[in-house]
Amino acid sequence: MVVSAVGFVLVTSMVGERERVLVLARDVPAGRVLDVGDLRQVEVASETGVVSAADRGRVLGRRARVPLVAGALLAPGQFGGARAFPPKGQSEVAFAIEAGSASPGVVRGDRVAVLEGPGGAATGEREEEAVAPVVGTVIGAKAAESPGGVRVVTVLVETGAVRRAAGLEHPRVVVLPADGREAP
C-alpha cells in the first residue's frame, strides 16, 4: 500500500509539471510574418524544443521559415528575421500548371518533381536532350480560376535549379514520397 502511494505521488508530480507554450492557431505559409492571430497558448508537459509563451514577443513580427500547420507546437527554428524566407540557397519558383498536369491533391508541404511536359522546348528527339526534373517542396498551390484553367503551384527549389525551372514549358508536377530521396 505504501509503494502505491509513493508511486502515485511521483506520477502526479511529473504530470503536474506543465509549461505554457506557443501553438499555431491557423496555417501560416512560409515567408509570412507571424502576427497575434497566428499564435495561441497551451499548457503541455514539455522540456525543450518548443517556444515558451513567455517568448511570444520574440516571435511576433518574424517570418515563418517553413510552412506552419494549425495546431502544431512552434519550434525555435521555424521562424526568423525579415529575410528568413526563402532560406539561403533556396528560391521560390511559380509554375503555371495546365489541367491534367498535376494531381488535384497537390498541397503545401508536398515533395515534388517538376518535369517538362509533352511539346515543351526541352523535349528533344534524343533522350539526353531532355531537361532534368526540378525537385522541391510545394509552398503554395492555387486552384484554377475556371474549370480546365491554369493552376499555379509555387515550389521551393535549390537556387542552382532556378534557370532549369524557368525553362520548363508545359510543366508537369509529380508528387514524390515524403521520406525518400529519389527523383525521376
N, C-alpha and C. Protein backbone atom coordinates (compact mmCIF):
# COMPACT_ATOMS: atom_id res chain seq x y z
N MET A 1 0.81 -1.18 0.00
CA MET A 1 0.00 0.00 0.00
C MET A 1 0.86 1.26 0.00
N VAL A 2 1.96 1.25 0.79
CA VAL A 2 2.86 2.39 0.85
C VAL A 2 3.53 2.60 -0.51
N VAL A 3 3.89 1.50 -1.20
CA VAL A 3 4.52 1.59 -2.51
C VAL A 3 3.57 2.25 -3.50
N SER A 4 2.29 1.92 -3.46
CA SER A 4 1.30 2.52 -4.36
C SER A 4 1.17 4.01 -4.10
N ALA A 5 1.18 4.42 -2.85
CA ALA A 5 1.05 5.83 -2.52
C ALA A 5 2.26 6.62 -3.01
N VAL A 6 3.46 6.06 -2.84
CA VAL A 6 4.69 6.73 -3.29
C VAL A 6 4.67 6.85 -4.82
N GLY A 7 4.29 5.76 -5.49
CA GLY A 7 4.20 5.79 -6.96
C GLY A 7 3.20 6.82 -7.44
N PHE A 8 2.06 6.92 -6.78
CA PHE A 8 1.05 7.91 -7.17
C PHE A 8 1.59 9.32 -7.02
N VAL A 9 2.29 9.60 -5.94
CA VAL A 9 2.85 10.92 -5.70
C VAL A 9 3.87 11.26 -6.78
N LEU A 10 4.74 10.33 -7.13
CA LEU A 10 5.75 10.56 -8.17
C LEU A 10 5.10 10.85 -9.53
N VAL A 11 4.12 10.04 -9.90
CA VAL A 11 3.46 10.22 -11.20
C VAL A 11 2.73 11.55 -11.24
N THR A 12 1.99 11.91 -10.23
CA THR A 12 1.25 13.17 -10.26
C THR A 12 2.18 14.37 -10.24
N SER A 13 3.33 14.26 -9.60
CA SER A 13 4.25 15.40 -9.59
C SER A 13 4.87 15.58 -10.97
N MET A 14 5.14 14.48 -11.67
CA MET A 14 5.72 14.59 -13.02
C MET A 14 4.68 15.12 -14.01
N VAL A 15 3.46 14.64 -13.93
CA VAL A 15 2.40 15.09 -14.83
C VAL A 15 2.04 16.54 -14.54
N GLY A 16 2.17 16.96 -13.31
CA GLY A 16 1.80 18.31 -12.93
C GLY A 16 2.74 19.38 -13.46
N GLU A 17 3.93 19.01 -13.93
CA GLU A 17 4.90 19.98 -14.44
C GLU A 17 4.56 20.33 -15.87
N ARG A 18 3.75 21.34 -16.04
CA ARG A 18 3.31 21.75 -17.37
C ARG A 18 3.80 23.17 -17.62
N GLU A 19 4.01 23.46 -18.89
CA GLU A 19 4.55 24.76 -19.27
C GLU A 19 3.63 25.35 -20.35
N ARG A 20 3.47 26.67 -20.31
CA ARG A 20 2.69 27.35 -21.34
C ARG A 20 3.62 27.57 -22.55
N VAL A 21 3.18 27.08 -23.72
CA VAL A 21 3.97 27.19 -24.94
C VAL A 21 3.09 27.74 -26.05
N LEU A 22 3.75 28.10 -27.16
CA LEU A 22 3.03 28.65 -28.31
C LEU A 22 2.67 27.56 -29.31
N VAL A 23 1.45 27.65 -29.82
CA VAL A 23 0.96 26.72 -30.82
C VAL A 23 0.33 27.55 -31.94
N LEU A 24 0.32 27.03 -33.15
CA LEU A 24 -0.23 27.75 -34.30
C LEU A 24 -1.75 27.72 -34.25
N ALA A 25 -2.37 28.89 -34.33
CA ALA A 25 -3.83 28.99 -34.33
C ALA A 25 -4.41 28.74 -35.72
N ARG A 26 -3.59 28.93 -36.75
CA ARG A 26 -4.03 28.71 -38.13
C ARG A 26 -2.81 28.40 -38.98
N ASP A 27 -3.05 27.90 -40.19
CA ASP A 27 -1.95 27.63 -41.11
C ASP A 27 -1.25 28.93 -41.46
N VAL A 28 0.07 28.89 -41.53
CA VAL A 28 0.87 30.06 -41.88
C VAL A 28 1.82 29.63 -43.00
N PRO A 29 1.70 30.24 -44.18
CA PRO A 29 2.61 29.86 -45.27
C PRO A 29 4.03 30.37 -44.99
N ALA A 30 5.00 29.67 -45.54
CA ALA A 30 6.39 30.08 -45.39
C ALA A 30 6.56 31.50 -45.94
N GLY A 31 7.33 32.31 -45.22
CA GLY A 31 7.60 33.68 -45.65
C GLY A 31 6.68 34.71 -45.07
N ARG A 32 5.54 34.32 -44.51
CA ARG A 32 4.61 35.29 -43.94
C ARG A 32 5.05 35.71 -42.54
N VAL A 33 4.81 36.96 -42.23
CA VAL A 33 5.16 37.50 -40.91
C VAL A 33 4.13 37.00 -39.89
N LEU A 34 4.63 36.49 -38.78
CA LEU A 34 3.74 35.99 -37.72
C LEU A 34 3.11 37.15 -36.97
N ASP A 35 1.79 37.09 -36.79
CA ASP A 35 1.10 38.13 -36.03
C ASP A 35 0.29 37.50 -34.90
N VAL A 36 -0.36 38.34 -34.10
CA VAL A 36 -1.07 37.90 -32.90
C VAL A 36 -2.08 36.80 -33.21
N GLY A 37 -2.80 36.91 -34.32
CA GLY A 37 -3.82 35.92 -34.66
C GLY A 37 -3.28 34.57 -35.08
N ASP A 38 -1.99 34.48 -35.34
CA ASP A 38 -1.39 33.21 -35.76
C ASP A 38 -1.05 32.29 -34.60
N LEU A 39 -0.96 32.85 -33.39
CA LEU A 39 -0.48 32.10 -32.24
C LEU A 39 -1.50 32.03 -31.12
N ARG A 40 -1.46 30.93 -30.40
CA ARG A 40 -2.22 30.82 -29.16
C ARG A 40 -1.36 30.06 -28.16
N GLN A 41 -1.79 30.05 -26.91
CA GLN A 41 -1.01 29.40 -25.86
C GLN A 41 -1.73 28.14 -25.38
N VAL A 42 -0.94 27.13 -25.09
CA VAL A 42 -1.46 25.90 -24.49
C VAL A 42 -0.51 25.45 -23.40
N GLU A 43 -1.01 24.63 -22.50
CA GLU A 43 -0.16 24.05 -21.47
C GLU A 43 0.16 22.62 -21.86
N VAL A 44 1.44 22.30 -21.88
CA VAL A 44 1.88 20.94 -22.20
C VAL A 44 3.00 20.52 -21.26
N ALA A 45 3.19 19.22 -21.15
CA ALA A 45 4.34 18.69 -20.42
C ALA A 45 5.49 18.70 -21.41
N SER A 46 6.40 19.62 -21.25
CA SER A 46 7.47 19.78 -22.23
C SER A 46 8.76 20.17 -21.54
N GLU A 47 9.86 19.78 -22.18
CA GLU A 47 11.16 20.15 -21.63
C GLU A 47 11.86 21.13 -22.55
N THR A 48 12.09 20.74 -23.79
CA THR A 48 12.79 21.61 -24.74
C THR A 48 12.23 21.39 -26.13
N GLY A 49 12.69 22.22 -27.07
CA GLY A 49 12.29 22.04 -28.46
C GLY A 49 11.06 22.80 -28.88
N VAL A 50 10.44 23.51 -27.96
CA VAL A 50 9.27 24.32 -28.30
C VAL A 50 9.47 25.72 -27.75
N VAL A 51 8.70 26.67 -28.27
CA VAL A 51 8.83 28.06 -27.84
C VAL A 51 7.88 28.33 -26.68
N SER A 52 8.43 28.82 -25.60
CA SER A 52 7.66 29.15 -24.41
C SER A 52 6.75 30.35 -24.69
N ALA A 53 5.60 30.37 -24.06
CA ALA A 53 4.68 31.50 -24.21
C ALA A 53 5.32 32.80 -23.73
N ALA A 54 6.27 32.71 -22.83
CA ALA A 54 6.97 33.89 -22.34
C ALA A 54 7.79 34.55 -23.46
N ASP A 55 8.13 33.81 -24.50
CA ASP A 55 8.92 34.33 -25.62
C ASP A 55 8.05 34.84 -26.78
N ARG A 56 6.78 35.02 -26.54
CA ARG A 56 5.86 35.45 -27.60
C ARG A 56 6.32 36.73 -28.30
N GLY A 57 6.79 37.70 -27.55
CA GLY A 57 7.25 38.96 -28.12
C GLY A 57 8.44 38.78 -29.05
N ARG A 58 9.22 37.75 -28.81
CA ARG A 58 10.39 37.46 -29.65
C ARG A 58 9.96 36.83 -30.99
N VAL A 59 8.76 36.27 -31.04
CA VAL A 59 8.26 35.57 -32.22
C VAL A 59 7.44 36.50 -33.12
N LEU A 60 6.60 37.33 -32.52
CA LEU A 60 5.72 38.21 -33.30
C LEU A 60 6.54 39.14 -34.19
N GLY A 61 6.11 39.27 -35.44
CA GLY A 61 6.82 40.14 -36.38
C GLY A 61 7.94 39.44 -37.14
N ARG A 62 8.20 38.19 -36.83
CA ARG A 62 9.23 37.41 -37.53
C ARG A 62 8.57 36.61 -38.64
N ARG A 63 9.35 36.22 -39.63
CA ARG A 63 8.83 35.45 -40.78
C ARG A 63 8.93 33.95 -40.53
N ALA A 64 7.91 33.24 -41.00
CA ALA A 64 7.93 31.77 -40.95
C ALA A 64 8.96 31.28 -41.97
N ARG A 65 9.87 30.44 -41.54
CA ARG A 65 10.89 29.89 -42.45
C ARG A 65 10.36 28.71 -43.25
N VAL A 66 9.36 28.05 -42.72
CA VAL A 66 8.76 26.87 -43.35
C VAL A 66 7.25 27.00 -43.25
N PRO A 67 6.49 26.24 -44.05
CA PRO A 67 5.04 26.26 -43.87
C PRO A 67 4.69 25.72 -42.49
N LEU A 68 3.81 26.42 -41.78
CA LEU A 68 3.40 26.03 -40.43
C LEU A 68 1.94 25.61 -40.45
N VAL A 69 1.62 24.54 -39.74
CA VAL A 69 0.28 23.96 -39.77
C VAL A 69 -0.44 24.26 -38.46
N ALA A 70 -1.72 24.63 -38.56
CA ALA A 70 -2.54 24.92 -37.38
C ALA A 70 -2.49 23.75 -36.41
N GLY A 71 -2.35 24.06 -35.12
CA GLY A 71 -2.34 23.05 -34.08
C GLY A 71 -0.95 22.55 -33.72
N ALA A 72 0.06 22.86 -34.53
CA ALA A 72 1.42 22.39 -34.26
C ALA A 72 2.09 23.29 -33.22
N LEU A 73 2.91 22.69 -32.39
CA LEU A 73 3.71 23.45 -31.43
C LEU A 73 4.79 24.20 -32.21
N LEU A 74 5.06 25.43 -31.85
CA LEU A 74 6.06 26.24 -32.54
C LEU A 74 7.45 25.92 -32.00
N ALA A 75 8.37 25.61 -32.92
CA ALA A 75 9.75 25.29 -32.56
C ALA A 75 10.65 26.47 -32.92
N PRO A 76 11.77 26.64 -32.22
CA PRO A 76 12.65 27.80 -32.45
C PRO A 76 13.15 27.97 -33.88
N GLY A 77 13.43 26.93 -34.61
CA GLY A 77 13.98 27.06 -35.96
C GLY A 77 12.96 27.34 -37.04
N GLN A 78 11.69 27.46 -36.68
CA GLN A 78 10.64 27.64 -37.68
C GLN A 78 10.37 29.09 -38.05
N PHE A 79 11.01 30.02 -37.40
CA PHE A 79 10.80 31.43 -37.71
C PHE A 79 12.14 32.14 -37.67
N GLY A 80 12.20 33.29 -38.34
CA GLY A 80 13.46 34.01 -38.39
C GLY A 80 13.23 35.49 -38.58
N GLY A 81 14.26 36.17 -39.04
CA GLY A 81 14.19 37.60 -39.24
C GLY A 81 13.44 37.97 -40.49
N ALA A 82 13.53 39.22 -40.86
CA ALA A 82 12.80 39.74 -42.00
C ALA A 82 13.20 39.06 -43.31
N ARG A 83 14.42 38.55 -43.40
CA ARG A 83 14.90 37.91 -44.62
C ARG A 83 15.03 36.41 -44.45
N ALA A 84 14.20 35.82 -43.66
CA ALA A 84 14.32 34.39 -43.36
C ALA A 84 13.79 33.52 -44.48
N PHE A 85 13.06 34.09 -45.43
CA PHE A 85 12.49 33.27 -46.48
C PHE A 85 12.63 33.95 -47.81
N PRO A 86 13.00 33.26 -48.84
CA PRO A 86 13.40 31.87 -48.79
C PRO A 86 14.75 31.70 -48.12
N PRO A 87 14.99 30.52 -47.56
CA PRO A 87 16.27 30.29 -46.88
C PRO A 87 17.44 30.40 -47.86
N LYS A 88 18.62 30.67 -47.34
CA LYS A 88 19.81 30.78 -48.17
C LYS A 88 19.99 29.50 -48.99
N GLY A 89 20.27 29.68 -50.28
CA GLY A 89 20.47 28.54 -51.17
C GLY A 89 19.19 28.00 -51.78
N GLN A 90 18.07 28.62 -51.46
CA GLN A 90 16.77 28.18 -51.97
C GLN A 90 16.07 29.36 -52.64
N SER A 91 15.18 29.07 -53.57
CA SER A 91 14.41 30.10 -54.27
C SER A 91 12.99 29.61 -54.50
N GLU A 92 12.07 30.56 -54.59
CA GLU A 92 10.68 30.24 -54.91
C GLU A 92 10.49 30.30 -56.42
N VAL A 93 9.83 29.30 -56.98
CA VAL A 93 9.51 29.30 -58.41
C VAL A 93 8.02 28.97 -58.55
N ALA A 94 7.30 29.81 -59.27
CA ALA A 94 5.88 29.56 -59.53
C ALA A 94 5.73 28.93 -60.91
N PHE A 95 4.99 27.85 -60.97
CA PHE A 95 4.75 27.14 -62.22
C PHE A 95 3.28 27.27 -62.60
N ALA A 96 3.01 27.56 -63.86
CA ALA A 96 1.65 27.57 -64.39
C ALA A 96 1.38 26.15 -64.87
N ILE A 97 0.51 25.45 -64.18
CA ILE A 97 0.26 24.04 -64.45
C ILE A 97 -1.09 23.90 -65.17
N GLU A 98 -1.04 23.34 -66.36
CA GLU A 98 -2.24 23.14 -67.16
C GLU A 98 -3.08 22.02 -66.56
N ALA A 99 -4.38 22.02 -66.86
CA ALA A 99 -5.29 20.99 -66.37
C ALA A 99 -4.75 19.61 -66.74
N GLY A 100 -4.77 18.69 -65.79
CA GLY A 100 -4.32 17.34 -66.02
C GLY A 100 -2.81 17.14 -65.87
N SER A 101 -2.07 18.20 -65.57
CA SER A 101 -0.62 18.08 -65.45
C SER A 101 -0.14 17.99 -64.01
N ALA A 102 -1.08 17.91 -63.08
CA ALA A 102 -0.74 17.73 -61.66
C ALA A 102 -1.93 17.11 -60.97
N SER A 103 -1.67 16.37 -59.93
CA SER A 103 -2.74 15.81 -59.13
C SER A 103 -3.52 16.95 -58.48
N PRO A 104 -4.85 16.86 -58.45
CA PRO A 104 -5.61 17.92 -57.78
C PRO A 104 -5.33 17.95 -56.28
N GLY A 105 -4.72 16.88 -55.76
CA GLY A 105 -4.42 16.82 -54.33
C GLY A 105 -3.07 17.41 -53.94
N VAL A 106 -2.36 18.03 -54.87
CA VAL A 106 -1.06 18.63 -54.54
C VAL A 106 -1.31 19.78 -53.56
N VAL A 107 -0.63 19.72 -52.41
CA VAL A 107 -0.81 20.74 -51.37
C VAL A 107 0.53 21.19 -50.82
N ARG A 108 0.50 22.29 -50.10
CA ARG A 108 1.68 22.83 -49.46
C ARG A 108 2.32 21.76 -48.59
N GLY A 109 3.64 21.65 -48.69
CA GLY A 109 4.38 20.66 -47.92
C GLY A 109 4.72 19.41 -48.71
N ASP A 110 4.05 19.18 -49.85
CA ASP A 110 4.37 18.01 -50.67
C ASP A 110 5.76 18.14 -51.28
N ARG A 111 6.49 17.05 -51.32
CA ARG A 111 7.78 16.99 -52.02
C ARG A 111 7.46 16.58 -53.45
N VAL A 112 7.91 17.36 -54.43
CA VAL A 112 7.53 17.13 -55.82
C VAL A 112 8.72 17.18 -56.76
N ALA A 113 8.51 16.62 -57.94
CA ALA A 113 9.42 16.78 -59.07
C ALA A 113 8.61 17.46 -60.15
N VAL A 114 9.19 18.49 -60.76
CA VAL A 114 8.53 19.18 -61.87
C VAL A 114 9.29 18.79 -63.13
N LEU A 115 8.54 18.24 -64.09
CA LEU A 115 9.12 17.71 -65.32
C LEU A 115 8.60 18.47 -66.52
N GLU A 116 9.35 18.45 -67.59
CA GLU A 116 8.93 19.03 -68.86
C GLU A 116 7.77 18.19 -69.39
N GLY A 117 6.68 18.84 -69.79
CA GLY A 117 5.54 18.13 -70.35
C GLY A 117 5.68 17.94 -71.84
N PRO A 118 4.76 17.20 -72.45
CA PRO A 118 4.83 16.97 -73.89
C PRO A 118 4.75 18.29 -74.65
N GLY A 119 5.54 18.38 -75.69
CA GLY A 119 5.50 19.58 -76.52
C GLY A 119 6.38 20.70 -76.01
N GLY A 120 7.03 20.52 -74.87
CA GLY A 120 7.91 21.55 -74.34
C GLY A 120 9.18 21.64 -75.15
N ALA A 121 9.83 22.78 -75.12
CA ALA A 121 11.05 23.00 -75.91
C ALA A 121 12.19 22.09 -75.48
N ALA A 122 12.16 21.64 -74.23
CA ALA A 122 13.26 20.82 -73.74
C ALA A 122 13.11 19.35 -74.08
N THR A 123 11.97 18.95 -74.62
CA THR A 123 11.82 17.55 -75.00
C THR A 123 12.33 17.38 -76.42
N GLY A 124 13.47 16.80 -76.52
CA GLY A 124 14.10 16.62 -77.82
C GLY A 124 13.88 15.23 -78.35
N GLU A 125 14.38 14.97 -79.54
CA GLU A 125 14.25 13.65 -80.13
C GLU A 125 15.14 12.66 -79.40
N ARG A 126 16.27 13.12 -78.92
CA ARG A 126 17.19 12.23 -78.20
C ARG A 126 16.98 12.40 -76.70
N GLU A 127 17.06 11.31 -75.99
CA GLU A 127 16.81 11.32 -74.55
C GLU A 127 17.75 12.26 -73.79
N GLU A 128 19.02 12.37 -74.23
CA GLU A 128 19.97 13.20 -73.49
C GLU A 128 19.66 14.69 -73.63
N GLU A 129 18.75 15.06 -74.55
CA GLU A 129 18.37 16.46 -74.69
C GLU A 129 17.30 16.86 -73.67
N ALA A 130 16.67 15.88 -73.04
CA ALA A 130 15.62 16.17 -72.07
C ALA A 130 16.22 16.88 -70.85
N VAL A 131 15.46 17.82 -70.31
CA VAL A 131 15.88 18.58 -69.14
C VAL A 131 15.63 17.74 -67.89
N ALA A 132 16.59 17.76 -66.97
CA ALA A 132 16.43 17.05 -65.69
C ALA A 132 15.27 17.65 -64.91
N PRO A 133 14.56 16.84 -64.12
CA PRO A 133 13.46 17.37 -63.33
C PRO A 133 13.96 18.33 -62.26
N VAL A 134 13.08 19.21 -61.83
CA VAL A 134 13.37 20.14 -60.74
C VAL A 134 12.64 19.60 -59.51
N VAL A 135 13.38 19.33 -58.45
CA VAL A 135 12.82 18.75 -57.24
C VAL A 135 12.75 19.81 -56.15
N GLY A 136 11.63 19.83 -55.43
CA GLY A 136 11.48 20.81 -54.35
C GLY A 136 10.27 20.52 -53.50
N THR A 137 9.89 21.50 -52.69
CA THR A 137 8.75 21.39 -51.78
C THR A 137 7.71 22.43 -52.14
N VAL A 138 6.46 22.00 -52.25
CA VAL A 138 5.36 22.92 -52.57
C VAL A 138 5.15 23.86 -51.39
N ILE A 139 5.16 25.17 -51.67
CA ILE A 139 4.89 26.14 -50.61
C ILE A 139 3.59 26.89 -50.87
N GLY A 140 2.97 26.61 -52.01
CA GLY A 140 1.68 27.21 -52.33
C GLY A 140 1.06 26.52 -53.53
N ALA A 141 -0.24 26.31 -53.47
CA ALA A 141 -0.95 25.70 -54.59
C ALA A 141 -2.29 26.40 -54.73
N LYS A 142 -2.45 27.15 -55.81
CA LYS A 142 -3.66 27.92 -56.04
C LYS A 142 -4.50 27.20 -57.08
N ALA A 143 -5.77 27.03 -56.79
CA ALA A 143 -6.68 26.36 -57.72
C ALA A 143 -6.88 27.21 -58.98
N ALA A 144 -7.23 26.53 -60.05
CA ALA A 144 -7.52 27.24 -61.30
C ALA A 144 -8.75 28.13 -61.10
N GLU A 145 -8.76 29.28 -61.75
CA GLU A 145 -9.88 30.20 -61.60
C GLU A 145 -11.11 29.76 -62.38
N SER A 146 -10.91 28.86 -63.35
CA SER A 146 -12.03 28.34 -64.12
C SER A 146 -11.78 26.87 -64.42
N PRO A 147 -12.84 26.10 -64.66
CA PRO A 147 -12.64 24.68 -64.98
C PRO A 147 -11.73 24.53 -66.20
N GLY A 148 -10.74 23.66 -66.08
CA GLY A 148 -9.81 23.46 -67.18
C GLY A 148 -8.76 24.54 -67.30
N GLY A 149 -8.76 25.50 -66.39
CA GLY A 149 -7.81 26.60 -66.44
C GLY A 149 -6.47 26.24 -65.85
N VAL A 150 -5.57 27.21 -65.89
CA VAL A 150 -4.22 27.04 -65.37
C VAL A 150 -4.22 27.18 -63.86
N ARG A 151 -3.48 26.32 -63.21
CA ARG A 151 -3.32 26.31 -61.76
C ARG A 151 -1.89 26.76 -61.44
N VAL A 152 -1.70 27.53 -60.39
CA VAL A 152 -0.36 27.98 -60.01
C VAL A 152 0.12 27.16 -58.82
N VAL A 153 1.29 26.54 -59.01
CA VAL A 153 1.92 25.77 -57.93
C VAL A 153 3.29 26.41 -57.70
N THR A 154 3.53 26.88 -56.47
CA THR A 154 4.80 27.50 -56.13
C THR A 154 5.64 26.49 -55.36
N VAL A 155 6.90 26.34 -55.83
CA VAL A 155 7.79 25.32 -55.28
C VAL A 155 9.07 25.97 -54.78
N LEU A 156 9.54 25.55 -53.62
CA LEU A 156 10.83 25.97 -53.07
C LEU A 156 11.87 25.01 -53.61
N VAL A 157 12.83 25.53 -54.39
CA VAL A 157 13.86 24.70 -55.03
C VAL A 157 15.25 25.23 -54.67
N GLU A 158 16.26 24.40 -54.95
CA GLU A 158 17.63 24.87 -54.79
C GLU A 158 17.88 25.98 -55.80
N THR A 159 18.56 27.03 -55.39
CA THR A 159 18.80 28.18 -56.26
C THR A 159 19.49 27.77 -57.56
N GLY A 160 20.34 26.75 -57.51
CA GLY A 160 21.02 26.28 -58.71
C GLY A 160 20.09 25.71 -59.76
N ALA A 161 18.85 25.38 -59.38
CA ALA A 161 17.89 24.80 -60.32
C ALA A 161 16.94 25.83 -60.92
N VAL A 162 17.08 27.10 -60.55
CA VAL A 162 16.14 28.13 -60.99
C VAL A 162 16.14 28.30 -62.51
N ARG A 163 17.29 28.36 -63.11
CA ARG A 163 17.36 28.54 -64.57
C ARG A 163 16.68 27.37 -65.28
N ARG A 164 16.94 26.16 -64.79
CA ARG A 164 16.31 24.97 -65.39
C ARG A 164 14.80 25.03 -65.19
N ALA A 165 14.35 25.45 -64.01
CA ALA A 165 12.92 25.55 -63.72
C ALA A 165 12.24 26.58 -64.62
N ALA A 166 12.90 27.71 -64.82
CA ALA A 166 12.32 28.78 -65.65
C ALA A 166 12.21 28.36 -67.11
N GLY A 167 13.01 27.40 -67.53
CA GLY A 167 12.99 26.96 -68.92
C GLY A 167 11.97 25.88 -69.22
N LEU A 168 11.28 25.38 -68.20
CA LEU A 168 10.30 24.32 -68.44
C LEU A 168 9.03 24.88 -69.08
N GLU A 169 8.66 24.32 -70.22
CA GLU A 169 7.39 24.67 -70.84
C GLU A 169 6.42 23.53 -70.58
N HIS A 170 5.18 23.82 -70.37
CA HIS A 170 4.16 22.81 -70.10
C HIS A 170 4.58 21.89 -68.95
N PRO A 171 4.96 22.46 -67.79
CA PRO A 171 5.46 21.62 -66.69
C PRO A 171 4.39 20.67 -66.15
N ARG A 172 4.86 19.53 -65.68
CA ARG A 172 4.02 18.53 -65.01
C ARG A 172 4.58 18.33 -63.61
N VAL A 173 3.69 18.19 -62.65
CA VAL A 173 4.09 18.03 -61.25
C VAL A 173 3.81 16.60 -60.81
N VAL A 174 4.84 15.95 -60.27
CA VAL A 174 4.73 14.58 -59.77
C VAL A 174 5.03 14.62 -58.27
N VAL A 175 4.13 14.08 -57.46
CA VAL A 175 4.34 14.04 -56.02
C VAL A 175 5.27 12.87 -55.70
N LEU A 176 6.31 13.15 -54.92
CA LEU A 176 7.30 12.15 -54.54
C LEU A 176 7.05 11.69 -53.10
N PRO A 177 7.59 10.53 -52.73
CA PRO A 177 7.47 10.10 -51.33
C PRO A 177 8.13 11.13 -50.41
N ALA A 178 7.49 11.42 -49.30
CA ALA A 178 7.99 12.44 -48.38
C ALA A 178 9.33 12.07 -47.76
N ASP A 179 9.54 10.80 -47.47
CA ASP A 179 10.76 10.43 -46.76
C ASP A 179 11.82 9.82 -47.66
N GLY A 180 11.60 9.78 -48.95
CA GLY A 180 12.60 9.24 -49.86
C GLY A 180 13.47 10.34 -50.42
N ARG A 181 14.54 9.98 -51.07
CA ARG A 181 15.42 10.96 -51.68
C ARG A 181 15.50 10.76 -53.19
N GLU A 182 14.74 9.78 -53.69
CA GLU A 182 14.80 9.52 -55.11
C GLU A 182 14.03 10.57 -55.89
N ALA A 183 14.45 10.75 -57.12
CA ALA A 183 13.78 11.68 -58.03
C ALA A 183 13.78 11.02 -59.41
N PRO A 184 12.76 11.31 -60.21
CA PRO A 184 12.69 10.69 -61.53
C PRO A 184 13.84 11.11 -62.43
